[in-house]
Amino acid sequence: MRVFPCGRTGSRLLLVAALALLAVPAARLSPAAAQPAPAAQPSAAQMDLARKLVVVNGEARAFDGIIPNIVESAERTFVQTNPDLVKQLREVAIVVVLDFNKRKGEVIDILAGAYARRFSEAELKEAIAFYSSATGTRLVLERPVIVQDAVQGIQAWGAQLNQLALEGIRAEMKKRGVEL
């Protein structure tokens, strides 16, 4: 039984976040649209806009479970060496999560900083406008299903490719007189 209601593991969470970042409109990533990167230190206005962007584009929510996952992992470390303290460790972990949840803004700032260092104020405003539009809102709402569909498709593709690789290696080794 999990202590926290978060159903994602840390690695899956990172995969989801990475795939979510791929949903940025393609026009923003095209060489024709590329502009010189803003200064290494973004302005306060850029950071404010970038914070708004990561909320409106849904990326901030992608990290909702990160604090409970980190604390749960730390708890498991202690449970492994102190199984007799499992009940107390769970109780303490819940308290720690409540305290650490105050730090969620730090994750948003990290995400926002990544955007603010790469996009101008005008570009951030355009991205916010897009994600605030009907299409952008739908993209945010559909993203979890799209990512799940893509992950399942990639897993099936990988399994098929693995099978073909096994067959290819067997065939090449057979040519060399080795049966696998």
C-alpha atoms as a PDB file:
ATOM      1  CA  MET A   1       0.000   0.000   0.000  1.00  0.00           C
ATOM      2  CA  ARG A   2       1.359   3.392  -0.982  1.00  0.00           C
ATOM      3  CA  VAL A   3       1.573   6.135   1.597  1.00  0.00           C
ATOM      4  CA  PHE A   4       0.788   8.825  -0.933  1.00  0.00           C
ATOM      5  CA  PRO A   5      -1.936   8.994  -3.571  1.00  0.00           C
ATOM      6  CA  CYS A   6       0.527   9.669  -6.374  1.00  0.00           C
ATOM      7  CA  GLY A   7       0.402   6.835  -8.896  1.00  0.00           C
ATOM      8  CA  ARG A   8       3.478   7.721 -10.922  1.00  0.00           C
ATOM      9  CA  THR A   9       7.020   6.632 -10.351  1.00  0.00           C
ATOM     10  CA  GLY A  10       9.815   9.148 -10.637  1.00  0.00           C
ATOM     11  CA  SER A  11      11.071   7.772 -13.946  1.00  0.00           C
ATOM     12  CA  ARG A  12       7.587   7.731 -15.474  1.00  0.00           C
ATOM     13  CA  LEU A  13       7.067  11.261 -14.242  1.00  0.00           C
ATOM     14  CA  LEU A  14      10.236  12.376 -15.991  1.00  0.00           C
ATOM     15  CA  LEU A  15       9.174  10.574 -19.188  1.00  0.00           C
ATOM     16  CA  VAL A  16       5.809  12.311 -19.077  1.00  0.00           C
ATOM     17  CA  ALA A  17       7.486  15.647 -18.512  1.00  0.00           C
ATOM     18  CA  ALA A  18       9.893  15.068 -21.377  1.00  0.00           C
ATOM     19  CA  LEU A  19       7.092  14.096 -23.723  1.00  0.00           C
ATOM     20  CA  ALA A  20       5.046  17.068 -22.523  1.00  0.00           C
ATOM     21  CA  LEU A  21       7.865  19.382 -23.525  1.00  0.00           C
ATOM     22  CA  LEU A  22       7.723  17.900 -27.025  1.00  0.00           C
ATOM     23  CA  ALA A  23       4.195  19.257 -27.369  1.00  0.00           C
ATOM     24  CA  VAL A  24       5.488  22.813 -27.783  1.00  0.00           C
ATOM     25  CA  PRO A  25       4.158  24.087 -31.107  1.00  0.00           C
ATOM     26  CA  ALA A  26       6.471  23.015 -33.902  1.00  0.00           C
ATOM     27  CA  ALA A  27       6.691  26.537 -35.297  1.00  0.00           C
ATOM     28  CA  ARG A  28       8.550  27.611 -32.142  1.00  0.00           C
ATOM     29  CA  LEU A  29      11.196  24.986 -32.777  1.00  0.00           C
ATOM     30  CA  SER A  30      11.728  25.513 -36.497  1.00  0.00           C
ATOM     31  CA  PRO A  31      15.022  27.046 -37.629  1.00  0.00           C
ATOM     32  CA  ALA A  32      13.132  29.859 -39.369  1.00  0.00           C
ATOM     33  CA  ALA A  33      11.535  30.883 -36.090  1.00  0.00           C
ATOM     34  CA  ALA A  34      14.790  30.592 -34.155  1.00  0.00           C
ATOM     35  CA  GLN A  35      16.039  33.802 -32.650  1.00  0.00           C
ATOM     36  CA  PRO A  36      19.077  34.529 -30.558  1.00  0.00           C
ATOM     37  CA  ALA A  37      18.683  33.170 -27.050  1.00  0.00           C
ATOM     38  CA  PRO A  38      17.836  35.754 -24.410  1.00  0.00           C
ATOM     39  CA  ALA A  39      20.461  36.657 -21.824  1.00  0.00           C
ATOM     40  CA  ALA A  40      21.516  33.926 -19.411  1.00  0.00           C
ATOM     41  CA  GLN A  41      19.740  35.741 -16.575  1.00  0.00           C
ATOM     42  CA  PRO A  42      16.104  36.276 -17.534  1.00  0.00           C
ATOM     43  CA  SER A  43      14.326  39.420 -16.497  1.00  0.00           C
ATOM     44  CA  ALA A  44      11.705  39.421 -13.757  1.00  0.00           C
ATOM     45  CA  ALA A  45       9.061  39.939 -16.455  1.00  0.00           C
ATOM     46  CA  GLN A  46      10.331  36.901 -18.389  1.00  0.00           C
ATOM     47  CA  MET A  47      10.223  34.783 -15.230  1.00  0.00           C
ATOM     48  CA  ASP A  48       6.674  35.933 -14.434  1.00  0.00           C
ATOM     49  CA  LEU A  49       5.547  35.107 -17.969  1.00  0.00           C
ATOM     50  CA  ALA A  50       7.364  31.777 -17.920  1.00  0.00           C
ATOM     51  CA  ARG A  51       5.704  30.842 -14.599  1.00  0.00           C
ATOM     52  CA  LYS A  52       2.344  31.633 -16.154  1.00  0.00           C
ATOM     53  CA  LEU A  53       3.272  29.537 -19.207  1.00  0.00           C
ATOM     54  CA  VAL A  54       4.185  26.411 -17.234  1.00  0.00           C
ATOM     55  CA  VAL A  55       0.879  26.644 -15.388  1.00  0.00           C
ATOM     56  CA  VAL A  56      -1.274  27.266 -18.472  1.00  0.00           C
ATOM     57  CA  ASN A  57       0.505  24.606 -20.561  1.00  0.00           C
ATOM     58  CA  GLY A  58       0.029  21.991 -17.837  1.00  0.00           C
ATOM     59  CA  GLU A  59       3.688  21.265 -17.183  1.00  0.00           C
ATOM     60  CA  ALA A  60       3.504  22.417 -13.564  1.00  0.00           C
ATOM     61  CA  ARG A  61       0.875  19.734 -12.886  1.00  0.00           C
ATOM     62  CA  ALA A  62       3.150  17.086 -14.382  1.00  0.00           C
ATOM     63  CA  PHE A  63       5.309  17.488 -11.276  1.00  0.00           C
ATOM     64  CA  ASP A  64       2.524  17.341  -8.690  1.00  0.00           C
ATOM     65  CA  GLY A  65       3.734  13.961  -7.484  1.00  0.00           C
ATOM     66  CA  ILE A  66       7.449  14.672  -7.366  1.00  0.00           C
ATOM     67  CA  ILE A  67       7.603  15.727  -3.701  1.00  0.00           C
ATOM     68  CA  PRO A  68       5.568  12.760  -2.411  1.00  0.00           C
ATOM     69  CA  ASN A  69       7.679  10.420  -4.579  1.00  0.00           C
ATOM     70  CA  ILE A  70      10.948  11.810  -3.221  1.00  0.00           C
ATOM     71  CA  VAL A  71       9.776  11.595   0.391  1.00  0.00           C
ATOM     72  CA  GLU A  72       8.350   8.107  -0.149  1.00  0.00           C
ATOM     73  CA  SER A  73      11.679   6.983  -1.581  1.00  0.00           C
ATOM     74  CA  ALA A  74      13.483   8.397   1.458  1.00  0.00           C
ATOM     75  CA  GLU A  75      10.977   6.648   3.725  1.00  0.00           C
ATOM     76  CA  ARG A  76      11.585   3.308   1.971  1.00  0.00           C
ATOM     77  CA  THR A  77      15.319   3.731   2.604  1.00  0.00           C
ATOM     78  CA  PHE A  78      14.674   3.834   6.342  1.00  0.00           C
ATOM     79  CA  VAL A  79      12.043   1.070   6.222  1.00  0.00           C
ATOM     80  CA  GLN A  80      14.566  -1.299   4.624  1.00  0.00           C
ATOM     81  CA  THR A  81      16.913  -0.974   7.564  1.00  0.00           C
ATOM     82  CA  ASN A  82      14.217  -0.440  10.227  1.00  0.00           C
ATOM     83  CA  PRO A  83      11.186  -2.546   9.250  1.00  0.00           C
ATOM     84  CA  ASP A  84       9.904  -2.431  12.819  1.00  0.00           C
ATOM     85  CA  LEU A  85       9.395   1.341  12.450  1.00  0.00           C
ATOM     86  CA  VAL A  86       7.243   1.194   9.289  1.00  0.00           C
ATOM     87  CA  LYS A  87       4.133   2.718  10.910  1.00  0.00           C
ATOM     88  CA  GLN A  88       6.060   5.571  12.513  1.00  0.00           C
ATOM     89  CA  LEU A  89       8.064   6.224   9.351  1.00  0.00           C
ATOM     90  CA  ARG A  90       4.838   6.479   7.308  1.00  0.00           C
ATOM     91  CA  GLU A  91       3.396   8.949   9.785  1.00  0.00           C
ATOM     92  CA  VAL A  92       6.564  11.033   9.714  1.00  0.00           C
ATOM     93  CA  ALA A  93       6.753  10.897   5.921  1.00  0.00           C
ATOM     94  CA  ILE A  94       3.236  12.333   5.669  1.00  0.00           C
ATOM     95  CA  VAL A  95       4.292  15.247   7.897  1.00  0.00           C
ATOM     96  CA  VAL A  96       7.434  15.797   5.833  1.00  0.00           C
ATOM     97  CA  VAL A  97       5.419  15.811   2.586  1.00  0.00           C
ATOM     98  CA  LEU A  98       3.064  18.434   3.987  1.00  0.00           C
ATOM     99  CA  ASP A  99       6.056  20.566   4.923  1.00  0.00           C
ATOM    100  CA  PHE A 100       7.874  20.020   1.630  1.00  0.00           C
ATOM    101  CA  ASN A 101       4.746  20.784  -0.440  1.00  0.00           C
ATOM    102  CA  LYS A 102       5.455  24.418   0.392  1.00  0.00           C
ATOM    103  CA  ARG A 103       8.454  24.065  -1.922  1.00  0.00           C
ATOM    104  CA  LYS A 104       6.468  23.193  -5.062  1.00  0.00           C
ATOM    105  CA  GLY A 105       7.065  26.731  -6.287  1.00  0.00           C
ATOM    106  CA  GLU A 106      10.743  25.860  -6.613  1.00  0.00           C
ATOM    107  CA  VAL A 107       9.905  23.255  -9.274  1.00  0.00           C
ATOM    108  CA  ILE A 108       7.765  25.810 -11.105  1.00  0.00           C
ATOM    109  CA  ASP A 109      10.655  28.283 -10.927  1.00  0.00           C
ATOM    110  CA  ILE A 110      13.051  25.679 -12.370  1.00  0.00           C
ATOM    111  CA  LEU A 111      10.664  24.995 -15.260  1.00  0.00           C
ATOM    112  CA  ALA A 112       9.989  28.703 -15.742  1.00  0.00           C
ATOM    113  CA  GLY A 113      13.698  29.490 -15.727  1.00  0.00           C
ATOM    114  CA  ALA A 114      14.299  26.975 -18.503  1.00  0.00           C
ATOM    115  CA  TYR A 115      11.729  28.772 -20.653  1.00  0.00           C
ATOM    116  CA  ALA A 116      12.704  32.298 -19.610  1.00  0.00           C
ATOM    117  CA  ARG A 117      16.345  31.729 -20.579  1.00  0.00           C
ATOM    118  CA  ARG A 118      15.352  30.579 -24.066  1.00  0.00           C
ATOM    119  CA  PHE A 119      12.369  32.717 -25.007  1.00  0.00           C
ATOM    120  CA  SER A 120      11.833  36.448 -25.157  1.00  0.00           C
ATOM    121  CA  GLU A 121       8.938  38.165 -23.410  1.00  0.00           C
ATOM    122  CA  ALA A 122       7.112  38.419 -26.741  1.00  0.00           C
ATOM    123  CA  GLU A 123       7.557  34.699 -27.432  1.00  0.00           C
ATOM    124  CA  LEU A 124       6.406  33.766 -23.942  1.00  0.00           C
ATOM    125  CA  LYS A 125       3.304  35.929 -24.436  1.00  0.00           C
ATOM    126  CA  GLU A 126       2.622  34.173 -27.755  1.00  0.00           C
ATOM    127  CA  ALA A 127       2.975  30.754 -26.117  1.00  0.00           C
ATOM    128  CA  ILE A 128       0.644  31.782 -23.278  1.00  0.00           C
ATOM    129  CA  ALA A 129      -1.868  33.053 -25.830  1.00  0.00           C
ATOM    130  CA  PHE A 130      -1.680  29.739 -27.675  1.00  0.00           C
ATOM    131  CA  TYR A 131      -2.158  27.631 -24.552  1.00  0.00           C
ATOM    132  CA  SER A 132      -4.994  29.929 -23.469  1.00  0.00           C
ATOM    133  CA  SER A 133      -6.746  29.409 -26.822  1.00  0.00           C
ATOM    134  CA  ALA A 134      -9.300  26.677 -27.416  1.00  0.00           C
ATOM    135  CA  THR A 135      -6.727  24.554 -29.272  1.00  0.00           C
ATOM    136  CA  GLY A 136      -4.056  25.073 -26.618  1.00  0.00           C
ATOM    137  CA  THR A 137      -6.493  24.233 -23.840  1.00  0.00           C
ATOM    138  CA  ARG A 138      -7.515  21.079 -25.675  1.00  0.00           C
ATOM    139  CA  LEU A 139      -3.867  20.150 -26.163  1.00  0.00           C
ATOM    140  CA  VAL A 140      -3.280  20.454 -22.411  1.00  0.00           C
ATOM    141  CA  LEU A 141      -6.391  18.408 -21.624  1.00  0.00           C
ATOM    142  CA  GLU A 142      -5.585  15.708 -24.195  1.00  0.00           C
ATOM    143  CA  ARG A 143      -1.848  15.539 -23.449  1.00  0.00           C
ATOM    144  CA  PRO A 144      -2.065  12.762 -20.799  1.00  0.00           C
ATOM    145  CA  VAL A 145      -4.015  10.508 -23.174  1.00  0.00           C
ATOM    146  CA  ILE A 146      -1.716  11.392 -26.058  1.00  0.00           C
ATOM    147  CA  VAL A 147       1.375  10.645 -23.980  1.00  0.00           C
ATOM    148  CA  GLN A 148      -0.096   7.359 -22.741  1.00  0.00           C
ATOM    149  CA  ASP A 149      -0.971   6.375 -26.308  1.00  0.00           C
ATOM    150  CA  ALA A 150       2.505   7.349 -27.516  1.00  0.00           C
ATOM    151  CA  VAL A 151       4.255   5.463 -24.706  1.00  0.00           C
ATOM    152  CA  GLN A 152       2.213   2.330 -25.421  1.00  0.00           C
ATOM    153  CA  GLY A 153       2.986   2.648 -29.120  1.00  0.00           C
ATOM    154  CA  ILE A 154       6.693   3.136 -28.452  1.00  0.00           C
ATOM    155  CA  GLN A 155       6.739   0.130 -26.123  1.00  0.00           C
ATOM    156  CA  ALA A 156       5.055  -2.059 -28.763  1.00  0.00           C
ATOM    157  CA  TRP A 157       7.426  -0.752 -31.434  1.00  0.00           C
ATOM    158  CA  GLY A 158      10.423  -1.437 -29.176  1.00  0.00           C
ATOM    159  CA  ALA A 159       9.269  -4.995 -28.477  1.00  0.00           C
ATOM    160  CA  GLN A 160       8.802  -5.626 -32.203  1.00  0.00           C
ATOM    161  CA  LEU A 161      12.180  -4.112 -33.029  1.00  0.00           C
ATOM    162  CA  ASN A 162      13.800  -6.214 -30.285  1.00  0.00           C
ATOM    163  CA  GLN A 163      12.308  -9.383 -31.809  1.00  0.00           C
ATOM    164  CA  LEU A 164      13.581  -8.401 -35.260  1.00  0.00           C
ATOM    165  CA  ALA A 165      17.028  -7.684 -33.799  1.00  0.00           C
ATOM    166  CA  LEU A 166      17.106 -11.138 -32.177  1.00  0.00           C
ATOM    167  CA  GLU A 167      16.132 -12.754 -35.467  1.00  0.00           C
ATOM    168  CA  GLY A 168      18.688 -10.686 -37.378  1.00  0.00           C
ATOM    169  CA  ILE A 169      21.507 -11.587 -35.009  1.00  0.00           C
ATOM    170  CA  ARG A 170      20.541 -15.282 -35.099  1.00  0.00           C
ATOM    171  CA  ALA A 171      20.509 -15.226 -38.914  1.00  0.00           C
ATOM    172  CA  GLU A 172      23.893 -13.508 -39.152  1.00  0.00           C
ATOM    173  CA  MET A 173      25.422 -15.855 -36.570  1.00  0.00           C
ATOM    174  CA  LYS A 174      23.993 -18.860 -38.441  1.00  0.00           C
ATOM    175  CA  LYS A 175      25.804 -17.645 -41.575  1.00  0.00           C
ATOM    176  CA  ARG A 176      28.972 -17.804 -39.487  1.00  0.00           C
ATOM    177  CA  GLY A 177      28.210 -21.335 -38.399  1.00  0.00           C
ATOM    178  CA  VAL A 178      26.952 -20.526 -34.901  1.00  0.00           C
ATOM    179  CA  GLU A 179      23.480 -21.601 -33.799  1.00  0.00           C
ATOM    180  CA  LEU A 180      21.920 -19.402 -31.155  1.00  0.00           C
END
